[in-house]
Amino acid sequence: MLGCQTCVPLCPFTAITFNHETKVSELNAALCKGCGTCVAACPSHAAEQHHFTDEQIFAEIEGVLVA
């Protein structure tokens, strides 16, 4: 799903724009607040939460459910 642009309108901080030359959505890290909306909506799992990988988040959830 190269450049599906699902994340662009969802970003509440307008930190994501679409590059028409490369056909890829690009993140402006200075505007990003790390809310994770783009990560949750990304159908191809191309977006990744800053400082949090999917594996880390799943481990946290598992830890809460097991305890």
PDB file of N, CA and C in Angstrom:
ATOM      1  N   MET A   1       0.827  -1.184   0.000  1.00  0.00           N
ATOM      2  CA  MET A   1       0.000   0.000   0.000  1.00  0.00           C
ATOM      3  C   MET A   1       0.875   1.251   0.000  1.00  0.00           C
ATOM      4  N   LEU A   2       1.696   1.337  -0.942  1.00  0.00           N
ATOM      5  CA  LEU A   2       2.601   2.471  -1.027  1.00  0.00           C
ATOM      6  C   LEU A   2       1.823   3.764  -1.154  1.00  0.00           C
ATOM      7  N   GLY A   3       1.984   4.634  -0.193  1.00  0.00           N
ATOM      8  CA  GLY A   3       1.388   5.958  -0.259  1.00  0.00           C
ATOM      9  C   GLY A   3      -0.123   5.998  -0.241  1.00  0.00           C
ATOM     10  N   CYS A   4      -0.756   5.204   0.608  1.00  0.00           N
ATOM     11  CA  CYS A   4      -2.221   5.175   0.641  1.00  0.00           C
ATOM     12  C   CYS A   4      -2.804   6.460   1.227  1.00  0.00           C
ATOM     13  N   GLN A   5      -2.030   7.225   1.976  1.00  0.00           N
ATOM     14  CA  GLN A   5      -2.401   8.519   2.548  1.00  0.00           C
ATOM     15  C   GLN A   5      -3.490   8.439   3.619  1.00  0.00           C
ATOM     16  N   THR A   6      -3.733   7.270   4.186  1.00  0.00           N
ATOM     17  CA  THR A   6      -4.732   7.119   5.232  1.00  0.00           C
ATOM     18  C   THR A   6      -4.403   7.997   6.430  1.00  0.00           C
ATOM     19  N   CYS A   7      -3.149   8.115   6.759  1.00  0.00           N
ATOM     20  CA  CYS A   7      -2.714   8.846   7.946  1.00  0.00           C
ATOM     21  C   CYS A   7      -2.783  10.368   7.808  1.00  0.00           C
ATOM     22  N   VAL A   8      -2.686  10.867   6.600  1.00  0.00           N
ATOM     23  CA  VAL A   8      -2.570  12.320   6.390  1.00  0.00           C
ATOM     24  C   VAL A   8      -3.735  13.099   6.995  1.00  0.00           C
ATOM     25  N   PRO A   9      -4.985  12.768   6.678  1.00  0.00           N
ATOM     26  CA  PRO A   9      -6.081  13.560   7.263  1.00  0.00           C
ATOM     27  C   PRO A   9      -6.349  13.244   8.736  1.00  0.00           C
ATOM     28  N   LEU A  10      -5.827  12.134   9.220  1.00  0.00           N
ATOM     29  CA  LEU A  10      -6.074  11.737  10.606  1.00  0.00           C
ATOM     30  C   LEU A  10      -5.172  12.423  11.616  1.00  0.00           C
ATOM     31  N   CYS A  11      -4.047  12.932  11.178  1.00  0.00           N
ATOM     32  CA  CYS A  11      -3.086  13.535  12.105  1.00  0.00           C
ATOM     33  C   CYS A  11      -3.632  14.845  12.670  1.00  0.00           C
ATOM     34  N   PRO A  12      -3.852  14.898  13.995  1.00  0.00           N
ATOM     35  CA  PRO A  12      -4.397  16.123  14.591  1.00  0.00           C
ATOM     36  C   PRO A  12      -3.402  17.281  14.634  1.00  0.00           C
ATOM     37  N   PHE A  13      -2.147  17.002  14.343  1.00  0.00           N
ATOM     38  CA  PHE A  13      -1.105  18.035  14.401  1.00  0.00           C
ATOM     39  C   PHE A  13      -0.582  18.394  13.010  1.00  0.00           C
ATOM     40  N   THR A  14      -1.218  17.892  11.974  1.00  0.00           N
ATOM     41  CA  THR A  14      -0.805  18.081  10.576  1.00  0.00           C
ATOM     42  C   THR A  14       0.692  17.851  10.387  1.00  0.00           C
ATOM     43  N   ALA A  15       1.178  16.810  11.023  1.00  0.00           N
ATOM     44  CA  ALA A  15       2.602  16.488  10.951  1.00  0.00           C
ATOM     45  C   ALA A  15       2.927  15.574   9.776  1.00  0.00           C
ATOM     46  N   ILE A  16       1.908  15.108   9.054  1.00  0.00           N
ATOM     47  CA  ILE A  16       2.134  14.184   7.954  1.00  0.00           C
ATOM     48  C   ILE A  16       1.673  14.827   6.655  1.00  0.00           C
ATOM     49  N   THR A  17       2.549  14.780   5.661  1.00  0.00           N
ATOM     50  CA  THR A  17       2.218  15.287   4.329  1.00  0.00           C
ATOM     51  C   THR A  17       2.519  14.196   3.317  1.00  0.00           C
ATOM     52  N   PHE A  18       1.967  14.326   2.151  1.00  0.00           N
ATOM     53  CA  PHE A  18       2.212  13.353   1.089  1.00  0.00           C
ATOM     54  C   PHE A  18       3.151  13.934   0.058  1.00  0.00           C
ATOM     55  N   ASN A  19       4.217  13.202  -0.227  1.00  0.00           N
ATOM     56  CA  ASN A  19       5.191  13.610  -1.225  1.00  0.00           C
ATOM     57  C   ASN A  19       4.763  13.005  -2.563  1.00  0.00           C
ATOM     58  N   HIS A  20       4.313  13.827  -3.492  1.00  0.00           N
ATOM     59  CA  HIS A  20       3.802  13.344  -4.770  1.00  0.00           C
ATOM     60  C   HIS A  20       4.905  12.801  -5.679  1.00  0.00           C
ATOM     61  N   GLU A  21       6.145  13.226  -5.474  1.00  0.00           N
ATOM     62  CA  GLU A  21       7.252  12.714  -6.286  1.00  0.00           C
ATOM     63  C   GLU A  21       7.601  11.286  -5.906  1.00  0.00           C
ATOM     64  N   THR A  22       7.728  11.025  -4.595  1.00  0.00           N
ATOM     65  CA  THR A  22       8.103   9.683  -4.136  1.00  0.00           C
ATOM     66  C   THR A  22       6.888   8.807  -3.858  1.00  0.00           C
ATOM     67  N   LYS A  23       5.694   9.421  -3.833  1.00  0.00           N
ATOM     68  CA  LYS A  23       4.440   8.727  -3.549  1.00  0.00           C
ATOM     69  C   LYS A  23       4.442   8.052  -2.179  1.00  0.00           C
ATOM     70  N   VAL A  24       5.013   8.772  -1.203  1.00  0.00           N
ATOM     71  CA  VAL A  24       5.104   8.276   0.168  1.00  0.00           C
ATOM     72  C   VAL A  24       4.692   9.390   1.126  1.00  0.00           C
ATOM     73  N   SER A  25       3.986   9.030   2.183  1.00  0.00           N
ATOM     74  CA  SER A  25       3.644   9.993   3.219  1.00  0.00           C
ATOM     75  C   SER A  25       4.883  10.251   4.064  1.00  0.00           C
ATOM     76  N   GLU A  26       5.109  11.507   4.412  1.00  0.00           N
ATOM     77  CA  GLU A  26       6.309  11.880   5.167  1.00  0.00           C
ATOM     78  C   GLU A  26       5.919  12.564   6.464  1.00  0.00           C
ATOM     79  N   LEU A  27       6.665  12.267   7.516  1.00  0.00           N
ATOM     80  CA  LEU A  27       6.406  12.816   8.836  1.00  0.00           C
ATOM     81  C   LEU A  27       7.334  13.982   9.126  1.00  0.00           C
ATOM     82  N   ASN A  28       6.781  15.059   9.630  1.00  0.00           N
ATOM     83  CA  ASN A  28       7.567  16.187  10.114  1.00  0.00           C
ATOM     84  C   ASN A  28       7.716  15.968  11.619  1.00  0.00           C
ATOM     85  N   ALA A  29       8.867  15.479  12.048  1.00  0.00           N
ATOM     86  CA  ALA A  29       9.088  15.107  13.446  1.00  0.00           C
ATOM     87  C   ALA A  29       8.938  16.279  14.407  1.00  0.00           C
ATOM     88  N   ALA A  30       9.187  17.483  13.931  1.00  0.00           N
ATOM     89  CA  ALA A  30       9.058  18.661  14.794  1.00  0.00           C
ATOM     90  C   ALA A  30       7.600  18.933  15.161  1.00  0.00           C
ATOM     91  N   LEU A  31       6.671  18.546  14.293  1.00  0.00           N
ATOM     92  CA  LEU A  31       5.249  18.761  14.557  1.00  0.00           C
ATOM     93  C   LEU A  31       4.585  17.583  15.254  1.00  0.00           C
ATOM     94  N   CYS A  32       5.184  16.407  15.136  1.00  0.00           N
ATOM     95  CA  CYS A  32       4.602  15.181  15.698  1.00  0.00           C
ATOM     96  C   CYS A  32       4.653  15.205  17.226  1.00  0.00           C
ATOM     97  N   LYS A  33       3.522  14.863  17.846  1.00  0.00           N
ATOM     98  CA  LYS A  33       3.439  14.800  19.311  1.00  0.00           C
ATOM     99  C   LYS A  33       3.404  13.353  19.814  1.00  0.00           C
ATOM    100  N   GLY A  34       3.495  12.386  18.912  1.00  0.00           N
ATOM    101  CA  GLY A  34       3.558  10.982  19.299  1.00  0.00           C
ATOM    102  C   GLY A  34       2.245  10.397  19.775  1.00  0.00           C
ATOM    103  N   CYS A  35       1.121  10.885  19.269  1.00  0.00           N
ATOM    104  CA  CYS A  35      -0.184  10.406  19.742  1.00  0.00           C
ATOM    105  C   CYS A  35      -0.490   8.986  19.276  1.00  0.00           C
ATOM    106  N   GLY A  36       0.080   8.558  18.149  1.00  0.00           N
ATOM    107  CA  GLY A  36      -0.101   7.189  17.671  1.00  0.00           C
ATOM    108  C   GLY A  36      -1.296   6.971  16.764  1.00  0.00           C
ATOM    109  N   THR A  37      -2.022   8.014  16.421  1.00  0.00           N
ATOM    110  CA  THR A  37      -3.182   7.868  15.553  1.00  0.00           C
ATOM    111  C   THR A  37      -2.795   7.274  14.209  1.00  0.00           C
ATOM    112  N   CYS A  38      -1.701   7.724  13.653  1.00  0.00           N
ATOM    113  CA  CYS A  38      -1.256   7.222  12.353  1.00  0.00           C
ATOM    114  C   CYS A  38      -0.874   5.748  12.425  1.00  0.00           C
ATOM    115  N   VAL A  39      -0.274   5.353  13.523  1.00  0.00           N
ATOM    116  CA  VAL A  39       0.141   3.961  13.700  1.00  0.00           C
ATOM    117  C   VAL A  39      -1.076   3.046  13.739  1.00  0.00           C
ATOM    118  N   ALA A  40      -2.090   3.450  14.469  1.00  0.00           N
ATOM    119  CA  ALA A  40      -3.298   2.641  14.591  1.00  0.00           C
ATOM    120  C   ALA A  40      -4.054   2.530  13.273  1.00  0.00           C
ATOM    121  N   ALA A  41      -3.978   3.557  12.442  1.00  0.00           N
ATOM    122  CA  ALA A  41      -4.742   3.583  11.197  1.00  0.00           C
ATOM    123  C   ALA A  41      -3.998   2.992  10.007  1.00  0.00           C
ATOM    124  N   CYS A  42      -2.713   2.822  10.093  1.00  0.00           N
ATOM    125  CA  CYS A  42      -1.895   2.410   8.946  1.00  0.00           C
ATOM    126  C   CYS A  42      -2.189   0.960   8.538  1.00  0.00           C
ATOM    127  N   PRO A  43      -2.787   0.756   7.354  1.00  0.00           N
ATOM    128  CA  PRO A  43      -3.120  -0.608   6.937  1.00  0.00           C
ATOM    129  C   PRO A  43      -1.907  -1.456   6.559  1.00  0.00           C
ATOM    130  N   SER A  44      -0.802  -0.821   6.215  1.00  0.00           N
ATOM    131  CA  SER A  44       0.393  -1.578   5.823  1.00  0.00           C
ATOM    132  C   SER A  44       1.421  -1.674   6.941  1.00  0.00           C
ATOM    133  N   HIS A  45       1.112  -1.092   8.096  1.00  0.00           N
ATOM    134  CA  HIS A  45       2.012  -1.081   9.260  1.00  0.00           C
ATOM    135  C   HIS A  45       3.340  -0.381   8.959  1.00  0.00           C
ATOM    136  N   ALA A  46       3.299   0.571   8.039  1.00  0.00           N
ATOM    137  CA  ALA A  46       4.499   1.330   7.694  1.00  0.00           C
ATOM    138  C   ALA A  46       4.804   2.391   8.747  1.00  0.00           C
ATOM    139  N   ALA A  47       3.767   2.888   9.414  1.00  0.00           N
ATOM    140  CA  ALA A  47       3.961   3.906  10.452  1.00  0.00           C
ATOM    141  C   ALA A  47       4.351   3.223  11.755  1.00  0.00           C
ATOM    142  N   GLU A  48       5.278   3.835  12.470  1.00  0.00           N
ATOM    143  CA  GLU A  48       5.731   3.280  13.748  1.00  0.00           C
ATOM    144  C   GLU A  48       5.766   4.382  14.796  1.00  0.00           C
ATOM    145  N   GLN A  49       5.269   4.065  15.970  1.00  0.00           N
ATOM    146  CA  GLN A  49       5.231   5.022  17.079  1.00  0.00           C
ATOM    147  C   GLN A  49       6.655   5.416  17.467  1.00  0.00           C
ATOM    148  N   HIS A  50       6.892   6.705  17.602  1.00  0.00           N
ATOM    149  CA  HIS A  50       8.216   7.195  17.985  1.00  0.00           C
ATOM    150  C   HIS A  50       8.583   6.662  19.363  1.00  0.00           C
ATOM    151  N   HIS A  51       9.687   5.994  19.465  1.00  0.00           N
ATOM    152  CA  HIS A  51      10.208   5.400  20.700  1.00  0.00           C
ATOM    153  C   HIS A  51       9.456   4.145  21.146  1.00  0.00           C
ATOM    154  N   PHE A  52       8.453   3.677  20.406  1.00  0.00           N
ATOM    155  CA  PHE A  52       7.708   2.483  20.777  1.00  0.00           C
ATOM    156  C   PHE A  52       7.503   1.602  19.556  1.00  0.00           C
ATOM    157  N   THR A  53       8.065   0.398  19.566  1.00  0.00           N
ATOM    158  CA  THR A  53       7.814  -0.543  18.484  1.00  0.00           C
ATOM    159  C   THR A  53       6.550  -1.327  18.823  1.00  0.00           C
ATOM    160  N   ASP A  54       5.976  -1.992  17.833  1.00  0.00           N
ATOM    161  CA  ASP A  54       4.794  -2.819  18.078  1.00  0.00           C
ATOM    162  C   ASP A  54       5.089  -3.875  19.138  1.00  0.00           C
ATOM    163  N   GLU A  55       6.270  -4.459  19.072  1.00  0.00           N
ATOM    164  CA  GLU A  55       6.636  -5.507  20.027  1.00  0.00           C
ATOM    165  C   GLU A  55       6.656  -4.976  21.462  1.00  0.00           C
ATOM    166  N   GLN A  56       7.154  -3.766  21.640  1.00  0.00           N
ATOM    167  CA  GLN A  56       7.193  -3.173  22.980  1.00  0.00           C
ATOM    168  C   GLN A  56       5.786  -2.902  23.509  1.00  0.00           C
ATOM    169  N   ILE A  57       4.915  -2.406  22.664  1.00  0.00           N
ATOM    170  CA  ILE A  57       3.546  -2.115  23.084  1.00  0.00           C
ATOM    171  C   ILE A  57       2.810  -3.409  23.419  1.00  0.00           C
ATOM    172  N   PHE A  58       2.966  -4.444  22.592  1.00  0.00           N
ATOM    173  CA  PHE A  58       2.324  -5.732  22.869  1.00  0.00           C
ATOM    174  C   PHE A  58       2.858  -6.336  24.170  1.00  0.00           C
ATOM    175  N   ALA A  59       4.139  -6.173  24.443  1.00  0.00           N
ATOM    176  CA  ALA A  59       4.718  -6.682  25.686  1.00  0.00           C
ATOM    177  C   ALA A  59       4.122  -5.963  26.892  1.00  0.00           C
ATOM    178  N   GLU A  60       3.912  -4.660  26.771  1.00  0.00           N
ATOM    179  CA  GLU A  60       3.293  -3.903  27.873  1.00  0.00           C
ATOM    180  C   GLU A  60       1.864  -4.391  28.121  1.00  0.00           C
ATOM    181  N   ILE A  61       1.110  -4.589  27.047  1.00  0.00           N
ATOM    182  CA  ILE A  61      -0.269  -5.064  27.190  1.00  0.00           C
ATOM    183  C   ILE A  61      -0.295  -6.446  27.818  1.00  0.00           C
ATOM    184  N   GLU A  62       0.578  -7.321  27.352  1.00  0.00           N
ATOM    185  CA  GLU A  62       0.656  -8.667  27.912  1.00  0.00           C
ATOM    186  C   GLU A  62       1.012  -8.630  29.407  1.00  0.00           C
ATOM    187  N   GLY A  63       1.932  -7.749  29.749  1.00  0.00           N
ATOM    188  CA  GLY A  63       2.326  -7.624  31.148  1.00  0.00           C
ATOM    189  C   GLY A  63       1.183  -7.176  32.038  1.00  0.00           C
ATOM    190  N   VAL A  64       0.350  -6.307  31.549  1.00  0.00           N
ATOM    191  CA  VAL A  64      -0.801  -5.837  32.319  1.00  0.00           C
ATOM    192  C   VAL A  64      -1.842  -6.950  32.460  1.00  0.00           C
ATOM    193  N   LEU A  65      -2.065  -7.696  31.388  1.00  0.00           N
ATOM    194  CA  LEU A  65      -3.078  -8.742  31.419  1.00  0.00           C
ATOM    195  C   LEU A  65      -2.660  -9.950  32.259  1.00  0.00           C
ATOM    196  N   VAL A  66      -1.368 -10.237  32.317  1.00  0.00           N
ATOM    197  CA  VAL A  66      -0.869 -11.397  33.055  1.00  0.00           C
ATOM    198  C   VAL A  66      -0.813 -11.098  34.562  1.00  0.00           C
ATOM    199  N   ALA A  67      -0.491  -9.889  34.906  1.00  0.00           N
ATOM    200  CA  ALA A  67      -0.307  -9.537  36.322  1.00  0.00           C
ATOM    201  C   ALA A  67      -1.583  -9.569  37.110  1.00  0.00           C
TER     202      ALA A  67
END
